[in-house]
Structure formats: structure tokens, C-alpha cells
C-alpha atoms as a PDB file:
ATOM      1  CA  MET A   1      -1.301 -10.861   8.694  1.00  0.00           C
ATOM      2  CA  THR A   2      -1.548 -13.083   5.308  1.00  0.00           C
ATOM      3  CA  LYS A   3      -1.057 -12.285   1.504  1.00  0.00           C
ATOM      4  CA  ARG A   4      -4.200 -13.214   1.325  1.00  0.00           C
ATOM      5  CA  GLU A   5      -5.355 -11.091   4.496  1.00  0.00           C
ATOM      6  CA  ILE A   6      -4.188  -8.342   3.154  1.00  0.00           C
ATOM      7  CA  LEU A   7      -5.384  -7.705  -0.137  1.00  0.00           C
ATOM      8  CA  ASN A   8      -8.701  -9.525   0.624  1.00  0.00           C
ATOM      9  CA  PHE A   9      -8.571  -5.875   3.773  1.00  0.00           C
ATOM     10  CA  LEU A  10      -8.106  -3.451   0.343  1.00  0.00           C
ATOM     11  CA  LYS A  11     -10.527  -4.826  -1.537  1.00  0.00           C
ATOM     12  CA  SER A  12     -12.887  -4.653   1.109  1.00  0.00           C
ATOM     13  CA  HIS A  13     -12.518  -1.411   2.248  1.00  0.00           C
ATOM     14  CA  LYS A  14     -11.544   0.105  -1.455  1.00  0.00           C
ATOM     15  CA  ASN A  15     -14.269   2.585  -1.729  1.00  0.00           C
ATOM     16  CA  GLU A  16     -13.356   3.602   1.957  1.00  0.00           C
ATOM     17  CA  ILE A  17     -10.295   3.699   1.333  1.00  0.00           C
ATOM     18  CA  TYR A  18     -10.513   6.641  -1.859  1.00  0.00           C
ATOM     19  CA  GLN A  19     -13.656   8.447   0.110  1.00  0.00           C
ATOM     20  CA  LYS A  20     -11.526   9.373   2.902  1.00  0.00           C
ATOM     21  CA  PHE A  21      -8.066   9.611   1.399  1.00  0.00           C
ATOM     22  CA  LYS A  22      -8.378   9.572  -2.101  1.00  0.00           C
ATOM     23  CA  ALA A  23      -6.344   6.825  -3.115  1.00  0.00           C
ATOM     24  CA  LYS A  24      -7.530   5.512  -7.162  1.00  0.00           C
ATOM     25  CA  LYS A  25      -4.963   2.458  -6.591  1.00  0.00           C
ATOM     26  CA  ILE A  26      -3.628   1.138  -3.665  1.00  0.00           C
ATOM     27  CA  GLY A  27      -2.005  -2.402  -3.644  1.00  0.00           C
ATOM     28  CA  LEU A  28       0.747  -4.811  -2.217  1.00  0.00           C
ATOM     29  CA  PHE A  29       4.019  -5.509  -2.695  1.00  0.00           C
ATOM     30  CA  GLY A  30       7.419  -7.101  -1.802  1.00  0.00           C
ATOM     31  CA  SER A  31       7.988  -9.392   0.957  1.00  0.00           C
ATOM     32  CA  PHE A  32       4.549  -9.966   1.612  1.00  0.00           C
ATOM     33  CA  ALA A  33       3.042 -10.102  -2.115  1.00  0.00           C
ATOM     34  CA  LYS A  34       5.719 -12.826  -2.843  1.00  0.00           C
ATOM     35  CA  ASN A  35       4.783 -15.183   0.192  1.00  0.00           C
ATOM     36  CA  GLU A  36       8.328 -13.843   1.165  1.00  0.00           C
ATOM     37  CA  ASN A  37       7.948 -12.538   4.332  1.00  0.00           C
ATOM     38  CA  SER A  38       9.213 -13.357   8.137  1.00  0.00           C
ATOM     39  CA  LYS A  39       8.131 -12.075  11.575  1.00  0.00           C
ATOM     40  CA  ASN A  40       9.434  -8.506  11.407  1.00  0.00           C
ATOM     41  CA  SER A  41       8.833  -7.488   7.707  1.00  0.00           C
ATOM     42  CA  ASP A  42       6.846  -4.440   7.244  1.00  0.00           C
ATOM     43  CA  ILE A  43       3.736  -4.892   5.095  1.00  0.00           C
ATOM     44  CA  ASP A  44       4.862  -2.207   1.569  1.00  0.00           C
ATOM     45  CA  ILE A  45       1.728  -0.998   0.053  1.00  0.00           C
ATOM     46  CA  TYR A  46       1.918   1.146  -3.008  1.00  0.00           C
ATOM     47  CA  VAL A  47      -0.363   3.883  -3.437  1.00  0.00           C
ATOM     48  CA  GLU A  48      -1.465   6.126  -6.365  1.00  0.00           C
ATOM     49  CA  PHE A  49      -3.869   9.260  -5.409  1.00  0.00           C
ATOM     50  CA  GLU A  50      -6.322  11.607  -7.089  1.00  0.00           C
ATOM     51  CA  GLU A  51      -5.173  14.028  -4.123  1.00  0.00           C
ATOM     52  CA  LYS A  52      -1.696  13.403  -2.842  1.00  0.00           C
ATOM     53  CA  ASN A  53      -0.845  15.897   0.227  1.00  0.00           C
ATOM     54  CA  PHE A  54       0.062  15.449   3.578  1.00  0.00           C
ATOM     55  CA  ASP A  55      -3.301  14.829   5.627  1.00  0.00           C
ATOM     56  CA  ASN A  56      -4.214  11.534   3.124  1.00  0.00           C
ATOM     57  CA  LEU A  57      -0.828   9.904   2.907  1.00  0.00           C
ATOM     58  CA  VAL A  58      -0.538  10.158   6.745  1.00  0.00           C
ATOM     59  CA  GLY A  59      -4.546  10.072   7.797  1.00  0.00           C
ATOM     60  CA  LEU A  60      -3.803   6.719   5.068  1.00  0.00           C
ATOM     61  CA  TYR A  61      -0.678   5.483   6.832  1.00  0.00           C
ATOM     62  CA  GLU A  62      -2.320   5.380  10.455  1.00  0.00           C
ATOM     63  CA  TYR A  63      -5.268   3.548   8.852  1.00  0.00           C
ATOM     64  CA  LEU A  64      -3.292   0.747   7.698  1.00  0.00           C
ATOM     65  CA  GLU A  65      -1.477   0.464  10.146  1.00  0.00           C
ATOM     66  CA  ASN A  66      -4.041   0.864  12.751  1.00  0.00           C
ATOM     67  CA  SER A  67      -6.325  -1.852  10.738  1.00  0.00           C
ATOM     68  CA  PHE A  68      -2.631  -4.702  10.443  1.00  0.00           C
ATOM     69  CA  HIS A  69      -2.031  -4.010  13.996  1.00  0.00           C
ATOM     70  CA  GLN A  70       2.005  -4.065  11.823  1.00  0.00           C
ATOM     71  CA  LYS A  71       4.323  -1.695   9.893  1.00  0.00           C
ATOM     72  CA  VAL A  72       3.047  -0.656   6.782  1.00  0.00           C
ATOM     73  CA  ASP A  73       5.654   1.586   4.206  1.00  0.00           C
ATOM     74  CA  ILE A  74       3.598   3.528   1.659  1.00  0.00           C
ATOM     75  CA  TYR A  75       5.353   3.850  -1.541  1.00  0.00           C
ATOM     76  CA  TYR A  76       3.538   6.231  -4.468  1.00  0.00           C
ATOM     77  CA  PRO A  77       5.272   7.305  -8.188  1.00  0.00           C
ATOM     78  CA  HIS A  78       6.389  11.037  -6.095  1.00  0.00           C
ATOM     79  CA  LYS A  79       8.665   9.212  -4.005  1.00  0.00           C
ATOM     80  CA  PHE A  80      11.181   7.568  -6.709  1.00  0.00           C
ATOM     81  CA  SER A  81      13.772   9.964  -9.016  1.00  0.00           C
ATOM     82  CA  ASP A  82      14.611   6.843 -10.640  1.00  0.00           C
ATOM     83  CA  LYS A  83      11.653   5.430 -13.093  1.00  0.00           C
ATOM     84  CA  ARG A  84      13.558   2.060 -13.572  1.00  0.00           C
ATOM     85  CA  VAL A  85      12.526   1.501  -9.308  1.00  0.00           C
ATOM     86  CA  LEU A  86       9.203   2.380 -10.022  1.00  0.00           C
ATOM     87  CA  GLU A  87       8.442   0.063 -13.422  1.00  0.00           C
ATOM     88  CA  LYS A  88      10.151  -2.558 -10.834  1.00  0.00           C
ATOM     89  CA  ILE A  89       7.231  -1.921  -8.001  1.00  0.00           C
ATOM     90  CA  LYS A  90       4.590  -1.574 -10.686  1.00  0.00           C
ATOM     91  CA  LYS A  91       4.933  -4.316 -12.587  1.00  0.00           C
ATOM     92  CA  GLU A  92       5.769  -6.633  -8.501  1.00  0.00           C
ATOM     93  CA  VAL A  93       2.238  -4.771  -7.324  1.00  0.00           C
ATOM     94  CA  ILE A  94      -1.037  -7.166  -6.549  1.00  0.00           C
ATOM     95  CA  TYR A  95      -3.965  -4.284  -6.774  1.00  0.00           C
ATOM     96  CA  GLY A  96      -6.557  -4.465  -4.393  1.00  0.00           C
END
């Protein structure tokens, strides 16, 4: 996968992702966003859920891994106790 392919997928599936998983914002950050990924890189996805619950989180995780055929890490605001880390990620995210 490339940065462009990931972002195109997120953009073209935005409505479906919202309907199925209540993800109101979704974007790419990390090594893929910076074009610094290697063959072992996972895809770092930042998500803001309208309704964050176990089913939406796990469902989105499985959906993205099956779509990308690659390991995905999902990050969301409640995952961070250090707000500085969250703010750094938010500045880097490229939304789909």
C-alpha cells in the first residue's frame, strides 16, 4: 500500500465507515503519512468516533486490516493520557 492508496480508500469509503463504525473523522499519520514506511511498517490510523465502543473499534480494525492486507494500529483521543502526544498526532494526521 502507498500513502495515496490509503488516503484514496479512506476518502472513497468515508460514508460506509461512518455508517458501520460511527467514525466521524478518520485519517493517516506516522510512517505512511510521511512516506517513510518500510515493508514491516504498520498503518497508523487516527479516528474520532461519534460512538466509541468495543464493537465499533474492533469492527473498524478488522475492516481496515482486511481491506489493506496489512497490520493497522488505530489511535483515538481517549487512548492518550498525555495530551501532548495527542496534539502532536493531530497536527500530523492527513484526513481521508
